[in-house]
Structure formats: C-alpha cells, structure tokens
N, C-alpha and C. Protein backbone atom coordinates (compact mmCIF):
# COMPACT_ATOMS: atom_id res chain seq x y z
N MET A 1 0.84 -1.17 0.00
CA MET A 1 0.00 0.00 0.00
C MET A 1 0.89 1.23 0.00
N SER A 2 0.45 2.26 -0.65
CA SER A 2 1.27 3.45 -0.72
C SER A 2 0.49 4.65 -0.20
N ASP A 3 1.16 5.78 -0.14
CA ASP A 3 0.54 7.01 0.35
C ASP A 3 -0.11 6.82 1.71
N VAL A 4 0.69 6.36 2.67
CA VAL A 4 0.18 6.09 4.00
C VAL A 4 -0.15 7.41 4.69
N SER A 5 -1.37 7.51 5.17
CA SER A 5 -1.78 8.71 5.91
C SER A 5 -1.63 8.46 7.39
N GLN A 6 -1.68 9.52 8.17
CA GLN A 6 -1.54 9.40 9.61
C GLN A 6 -2.74 8.70 10.22
N ALA A 7 -2.47 7.75 11.09
CA ALA A 7 -3.53 7.03 11.79
C ALA A 7 -4.00 7.86 12.98
N PRO A 8 -5.20 7.59 13.47
CA PRO A 8 -5.67 8.25 14.68
C PRO A 8 -4.73 7.95 15.84
N ALA A 9 -4.88 8.64 16.93
CA ALA A 9 -3.95 8.56 18.04
C ALA A 9 -4.11 7.30 18.88
N SER A 10 -4.65 6.22 18.35
CA SER A 10 -4.73 4.98 19.10
C SER A 10 -3.42 4.22 18.95
N PRO A 11 -3.05 3.43 19.96
CA PRO A 11 -1.80 2.69 19.86
C PRO A 11 -1.89 1.64 18.76
N SER A 12 -0.75 1.38 18.12
CA SER A 12 -0.75 0.35 17.09
C SER A 12 -0.81 -1.01 17.76
N VAL A 13 -1.22 -1.98 17.01
CA VAL A 13 -1.30 -3.33 17.55
C VAL A 13 0.08 -3.82 17.96
N SER A 14 1.10 -3.48 17.18
CA SER A 14 2.44 -3.94 17.53
C SER A 14 2.89 -3.37 18.87
N ASP A 15 2.39 -2.19 19.26
CA ASP A 15 2.71 -1.64 20.57
C ASP A 15 2.11 -2.50 21.68
N LEU A 16 1.03 -3.21 21.36
CA LEU A 16 0.32 -3.99 22.36
C LEU A 16 0.75 -5.45 22.40
N VAL A 17 1.55 -5.89 21.42
CA VAL A 17 1.94 -7.29 21.35
C VAL A 17 2.73 -7.70 22.59
N SER A 18 3.52 -6.80 23.14
CA SER A 18 4.29 -7.14 24.32
C SER A 18 3.38 -7.44 25.50
N GLU A 19 2.18 -6.90 25.49
CA GLU A 19 1.19 -7.20 26.51
C GLU A 19 0.24 -8.24 25.94
N HIS A 20 0.66 -9.50 25.92
CA HIS A 20 -0.12 -10.54 25.23
C HIS A 20 -1.56 -10.58 25.71
N ALA A 21 -1.82 -10.29 26.97
CA ALA A 21 -3.19 -10.32 27.47
C ALA A 21 -4.06 -9.29 26.75
N SER A 22 -3.47 -8.21 26.28
CA SER A 22 -4.24 -7.19 25.56
C SER A 22 -4.82 -7.73 24.27
N LEU A 23 -4.16 -8.70 23.67
CA LEU A 23 -4.61 -9.23 22.40
C LEU A 23 -5.96 -9.93 22.53
N ASP A 24 -6.29 -10.36 23.73
CA ASP A 24 -7.59 -10.98 23.98
C ASP A 24 -8.68 -9.94 24.17
N ARG A 25 -8.31 -8.68 24.25
CA ARG A 25 -9.30 -7.61 24.47
C ARG A 25 -9.44 -6.67 23.29
N ILE A 26 -8.61 -6.80 22.27
CA ILE A 26 -8.69 -5.92 21.10
C ILE A 26 -9.55 -6.59 20.03
N VAL A 27 -10.64 -5.92 19.69
CA VAL A 27 -11.57 -6.42 18.68
C VAL A 27 -11.36 -5.60 17.42
N LEU A 28 -11.39 -6.27 16.27
CA LEU A 28 -11.17 -5.61 14.99
C LEU A 28 -12.48 -5.52 14.22
N ARG A 29 -12.70 -4.35 13.59
CA ARG A 29 -13.92 -4.09 12.83
C ARG A 29 -13.54 -3.33 11.56
N THR A 30 -14.17 -3.71 10.46
CA THR A 30 -13.90 -2.99 9.21
C THR A 30 -14.59 -1.63 9.24
N ASN A 31 -14.00 -0.68 8.55
CA ASN A 31 -14.59 0.64 8.41
C ASN A 31 -15.85 0.50 7.55
N PRO A 32 -16.98 1.05 7.98
CA PRO A 32 -18.21 0.91 7.19
C PRO A 32 -18.14 1.57 5.82
N ASP A 33 -17.19 2.46 5.59
CA ASP A 33 -17.03 3.10 4.29
C ASP A 33 -16.22 2.26 3.31
N VAL A 34 -15.84 1.06 3.72
CA VAL A 34 -15.01 0.20 2.87
C VAL A 34 -15.83 -1.02 2.44
N GLN A 35 -15.87 -1.22 1.13
CA GLN A 35 -16.56 -2.37 0.55
C GLN A 35 -15.51 -3.37 0.08
N GLY A 36 -15.76 -4.64 0.28
CA GLY A 36 -14.82 -5.66 -0.16
C GLY A 36 -15.52 -6.74 -0.95
N THR A 37 -14.81 -7.29 -1.91
CA THR A 37 -15.33 -8.41 -2.68
C THR A 37 -14.21 -9.41 -2.90
N ASN A 38 -14.57 -10.69 -2.88
CA ASN A 38 -13.58 -11.75 -3.05
C ASN A 38 -13.51 -12.14 -4.51
N MET A 39 -12.28 -12.20 -5.02
CA MET A 39 -12.05 -12.57 -6.43
C MET A 39 -10.88 -13.53 -6.48
N ASP A 40 -11.15 -14.79 -6.82
CA ASP A 40 -10.10 -15.80 -6.96
C ASP A 40 -9.21 -15.92 -5.73
N GLY A 41 -9.81 -15.92 -4.53
CA GLY A 41 -9.05 -16.08 -3.31
C GLY A 41 -8.43 -14.82 -2.75
N GLU A 42 -8.51 -13.73 -3.49
CA GLU A 42 -8.02 -12.44 -3.01
C GLU A 42 -9.22 -11.53 -2.76
N THR A 43 -9.02 -10.55 -1.92
CA THR A 43 -10.07 -9.59 -1.64
C THR A 43 -9.68 -8.24 -2.19
N VAL A 44 -10.59 -7.63 -2.90
CA VAL A 44 -10.39 -6.28 -3.41
C VAL A 44 -11.25 -5.35 -2.56
N LEU A 45 -10.61 -4.33 -1.99
CA LEU A 45 -11.30 -3.37 -1.14
C LEU A 45 -11.42 -2.04 -1.86
N LEU A 46 -12.53 -1.38 -1.66
CA LEU A 46 -12.73 -0.03 -2.17
C LEU A 46 -13.12 0.86 -1.01
N ASP A 47 -12.31 1.86 -0.74
CA ASP A 47 -12.62 2.85 0.28
C ASP A 47 -13.50 3.90 -0.38
N LEU A 48 -14.78 3.89 -0.07
CA LEU A 48 -15.74 4.79 -0.71
C LEU A 48 -15.46 6.25 -0.39
N SER A 49 -14.82 6.52 0.73
CA SER A 49 -14.55 7.91 1.11
C SER A 49 -13.38 8.51 0.32
N THR A 50 -12.47 7.66 -0.18
CA THR A 50 -11.31 8.17 -0.91
C THR A 50 -11.27 7.71 -2.36
N GLY A 51 -12.03 6.66 -2.69
CA GLY A 51 -11.99 6.10 -4.04
C GLY A 51 -10.80 5.20 -4.29
N ARG A 52 -10.03 4.89 -3.26
CA ARG A 52 -8.85 4.04 -3.41
C ARG A 52 -9.23 2.56 -3.36
N TYR A 53 -8.50 1.79 -4.17
CA TYR A 53 -8.64 0.34 -4.18
C TYR A 53 -7.44 -0.30 -3.50
N TYR A 54 -7.66 -1.44 -2.87
CA TYR A 54 -6.60 -2.21 -2.23
C TYR A 54 -6.84 -3.68 -2.54
N THR A 55 -5.78 -4.46 -2.59
CA THR A 55 -5.89 -5.90 -2.82
C THR A 55 -5.23 -6.64 -1.66
N LEU A 56 -5.94 -7.63 -1.15
CA LEU A 56 -5.41 -8.48 -0.08
C LEU A 56 -5.18 -9.88 -0.62
N ASN A 57 -4.06 -10.49 -0.26
CA ASN A 57 -3.79 -11.87 -0.67
C ASN A 57 -4.66 -12.83 0.15
N ARG A 58 -4.42 -14.13 0.02
CA ARG A 58 -5.26 -15.12 0.72
C ARG A 58 -5.23 -14.94 2.22
N VAL A 59 -4.06 -14.72 2.80
CA VAL A 59 -3.97 -14.54 4.25
C VAL A 59 -4.68 -13.26 4.66
N GLY A 60 -4.43 -12.18 3.93
CA GLY A 60 -5.10 -10.91 4.21
C GLY A 60 -6.60 -11.02 4.07
N SER A 61 -7.05 -11.82 3.12
CA SER A 61 -8.49 -12.01 2.91
C SER A 61 -9.13 -12.71 4.09
N VAL A 62 -8.44 -13.71 4.64
CA VAL A 62 -8.97 -14.41 5.83
C VAL A 62 -9.02 -13.45 7.01
N ILE A 63 -7.99 -12.65 7.17
CA ILE A 63 -7.98 -11.66 8.26
C ILE A 63 -9.15 -10.70 8.08
N TRP A 64 -9.32 -10.14 6.90
CA TRP A 64 -10.40 -9.18 6.62
C TRP A 64 -11.77 -9.82 6.90
N GLU A 65 -11.94 -11.04 6.48
CA GLU A 65 -13.21 -11.75 6.64
C GLU A 65 -13.61 -11.86 8.11
N HIS A 66 -12.62 -11.91 8.99
CA HIS A 66 -12.91 -12.09 10.41
C HIS A 66 -12.87 -10.79 11.23
N CYS A 67 -12.72 -9.67 10.57
CA CYS A 67 -12.76 -8.37 11.25
C CYS A 67 -14.21 -7.88 11.32
N THR A 68 -15.00 -8.58 12.08
CA THR A 68 -16.43 -8.33 12.14
C THR A 68 -16.88 -7.63 13.42
N GLY A 69 -15.92 -7.33 14.28
CA GLY A 69 -16.26 -6.67 15.53
C GLY A 69 -16.55 -7.61 16.67
N ASP A 70 -16.51 -8.92 16.39
CA ASP A 70 -16.75 -9.88 17.47
C ASP A 70 -15.58 -10.82 17.72
N LYS A 71 -14.51 -10.68 16.94
CA LYS A 71 -13.33 -11.52 17.13
C LYS A 71 -12.14 -10.67 17.57
N THR A 72 -11.40 -11.21 18.51
CA THR A 72 -10.20 -10.51 18.99
C THR A 72 -9.01 -10.87 18.12
N ILE A 73 -7.92 -10.18 18.34
CA ILE A 73 -6.68 -10.49 17.64
C ILE A 73 -6.26 -11.93 17.92
N SER A 74 -6.39 -12.36 19.17
CA SER A 74 -6.05 -13.74 19.51
C SER A 74 -6.93 -14.73 18.77
N ASP A 75 -8.22 -14.43 18.63
CA ASP A 75 -9.13 -15.31 17.89
C ASP A 75 -8.67 -15.45 16.44
N ILE A 76 -8.36 -14.32 15.82
CA ILE A 76 -7.95 -14.34 14.41
C ILE A 76 -6.60 -15.03 14.25
N GLN A 77 -5.71 -14.85 15.22
CA GLN A 77 -4.42 -15.54 15.18
C GLN A 77 -4.63 -17.05 15.16
N MET A 78 -5.53 -17.56 15.99
CA MET A 78 -5.78 -19.00 16.03
C MET A 78 -6.43 -19.49 14.74
N ILE A 79 -7.30 -18.67 14.15
CA ILE A 79 -7.92 -19.02 12.87
C ILE A 79 -6.83 -19.17 11.79
N LEU A 80 -5.88 -18.23 11.78
CA LEU A 80 -4.77 -18.30 10.81
C LEU A 80 -3.93 -19.56 11.02
N CYS A 81 -3.67 -19.88 12.28
CA CYS A 81 -2.87 -21.09 12.58
C CYS A 81 -3.59 -22.33 12.05
N ASP A 82 -4.89 -22.41 12.28
CA ASP A 82 -5.66 -23.57 11.84
C ASP A 82 -5.78 -23.63 10.32
N ARG A 83 -6.07 -22.51 9.70
CA ARG A 83 -6.34 -22.48 8.26
C ARG A 83 -5.08 -22.72 7.44
N PHE A 84 -3.94 -22.15 7.90
CA PHE A 84 -2.71 -22.21 7.09
C PHE A 84 -1.62 -23.09 7.69
N ASP A 85 -1.93 -23.77 8.80
CA ASP A 85 -0.96 -24.65 9.46
C ASP A 85 0.37 -23.91 9.68
N VAL A 86 0.29 -22.79 10.35
CA VAL A 86 1.45 -21.93 10.58
C VAL A 86 1.66 -21.78 12.09
N ALA A 87 2.90 -21.52 12.48
CA ALA A 87 3.23 -21.33 13.89
C ALA A 87 2.54 -20.08 14.43
N PRO A 88 2.13 -20.09 15.69
CA PRO A 88 1.44 -18.93 16.28
C PRO A 88 2.24 -17.62 16.17
N GLU A 89 3.56 -17.69 16.32
CA GLU A 89 4.38 -16.47 16.24
C GLU A 89 4.33 -15.88 14.84
N ARG A 90 4.41 -16.74 13.83
CA ARG A 90 4.36 -16.27 12.44
C ARG A 90 2.98 -15.69 12.11
N ALA A 91 1.94 -16.37 12.58
CA ALA A 91 0.57 -15.88 12.35
C ALA A 91 0.39 -14.51 12.99
N LEU A 92 0.90 -14.35 14.20
CA LEU A 92 0.76 -13.06 14.89
C LEU A 92 1.54 -11.97 14.18
N ASP A 93 2.75 -12.28 13.73
CA ASP A 93 3.56 -11.29 13.00
C ASP A 93 2.83 -10.80 11.75
N ASP A 94 2.31 -11.75 10.96
CA ASP A 94 1.59 -11.39 9.74
C ASP A 94 0.33 -10.59 10.05
N LEU A 95 -0.38 -11.03 11.07
CA LEU A 95 -1.62 -10.36 11.47
C LEU A 95 -1.36 -8.93 11.92
N VAL A 96 -0.38 -8.75 12.78
CA VAL A 96 -0.06 -7.41 13.31
C VAL A 96 0.40 -6.49 12.19
N THR A 97 1.22 -7.00 11.29
CA THR A 97 1.71 -6.18 10.17
C THR A 97 0.54 -5.68 9.33
N LEU A 98 -0.36 -6.58 8.94
CA LEU A 98 -1.48 -6.17 8.10
C LEU A 98 -2.45 -5.26 8.84
N VAL A 99 -2.76 -5.59 10.08
CA VAL A 99 -3.70 -4.76 10.86
C VAL A 99 -3.17 -3.34 11.01
N ASN A 100 -1.89 -3.19 11.26
CA ASN A 100 -1.32 -1.85 11.38
C ASN A 100 -1.41 -1.09 10.05
N GLN A 101 -1.16 -1.78 8.93
CA GLN A 101 -1.27 -1.12 7.62
C GLN A 101 -2.72 -0.71 7.35
N LEU A 102 -3.66 -1.60 7.63
CA LEU A 102 -5.07 -1.28 7.40
C LEU A 102 -5.55 -0.16 8.32
N ASN A 103 -5.06 -0.14 9.55
CA ASN A 103 -5.38 0.96 10.47
C ASN A 103 -4.86 2.29 9.92
N GLN A 104 -3.63 2.29 9.45
CA GLN A 104 -3.03 3.53 8.92
C GLN A 104 -3.80 4.05 7.73
N GLU A 105 -4.32 3.16 6.92
CA GLU A 105 -5.09 3.56 5.74
C GLU A 105 -6.53 3.92 6.09
N GLY A 106 -6.93 3.69 7.33
CA GLY A 106 -8.30 4.01 7.74
C GLY A 106 -9.30 2.96 7.31
N LEU A 107 -8.86 1.77 6.96
CA LEU A 107 -9.75 0.73 6.48
C LEU A 107 -10.29 -0.15 7.60
N LEU A 108 -9.63 -0.12 8.73
CA LEU A 108 -9.93 -0.99 9.84
C LEU A 108 -9.95 -0.19 11.12
N GLN A 109 -10.77 -0.61 12.06
CA GLN A 109 -10.85 0.03 13.37
C GLN A 109 -10.58 -1.01 14.43
N GLN A 110 -9.93 -0.60 15.50
CA GLN A 110 -9.71 -1.51 16.61
C GLN A 110 -10.36 -0.92 17.86
N GLU A 111 -10.95 -1.79 18.65
CA GLU A 111 -11.62 -1.37 19.87
C GLU A 111 -11.18 -2.28 21.00
N ARG A 112 -11.15 -1.73 22.19
CA ARG A 112 -10.86 -2.56 23.37
C ARG A 112 -12.17 -2.99 23.98
N ARG A 113 -12.22 -4.24 24.39
CA ARG A 113 -13.41 -4.77 25.08
C ARG A 113 -13.37 -4.37 26.52
C-alpha cells in the first residue's frame, strides 16, 4: 500500500503485542465506508470515502473476513494457525503487520473490550 496517511492517536497493535493479554481484548472491525469483494481467493477493497482500491492476498483475505467486531486479535491468530498450518508467532507477525497497515489507511478500526 502506498501514500500512508496518519492514523488516529490509538496505539498500534504492535505496541500492544508485548502485553499478550491485551490481544484478547482488542476487537477488529472494518470501516463501514469500505466495501470488499472476493475474487479468486483475493479480496479487493474499495474505500468509498477516498476512491482508493486495495488488494489483499489469501492470508489478508482471511484476516479481513474475520474483522467483524466480534473476534479478537487472539481469535484471528488462532484461525490463521488452523487455516494455514502456521506457527502462532508467524501468524501473529503477519496479522499485526497487516492490521497496522489497514489501520493507517483508515480501512480498519480496533476497539478494546
């Protein structure tokens, strides 16, 4: 993704990774101004407020699919481990990287329970 804009003053997910217990309290929700569609295993996102398009690979698509406001970062991490047979540390690294990028672009919101 390019042209990264400033994110709101909320802490990034990577700032919270050191507090593993926090990951059980952070819920992810897609921005209501963003529409997504699945095409051949990838997800194409359109931010209606900016007109920008984004493409997510298979892993990103699974993450996006589960950002419904009822799953925590830990929940999504376990889904990635099960779906892709990947180590928890690797799943968390990939998840945190993408979530931070989506937050910066304004495509995703995070809330504490």
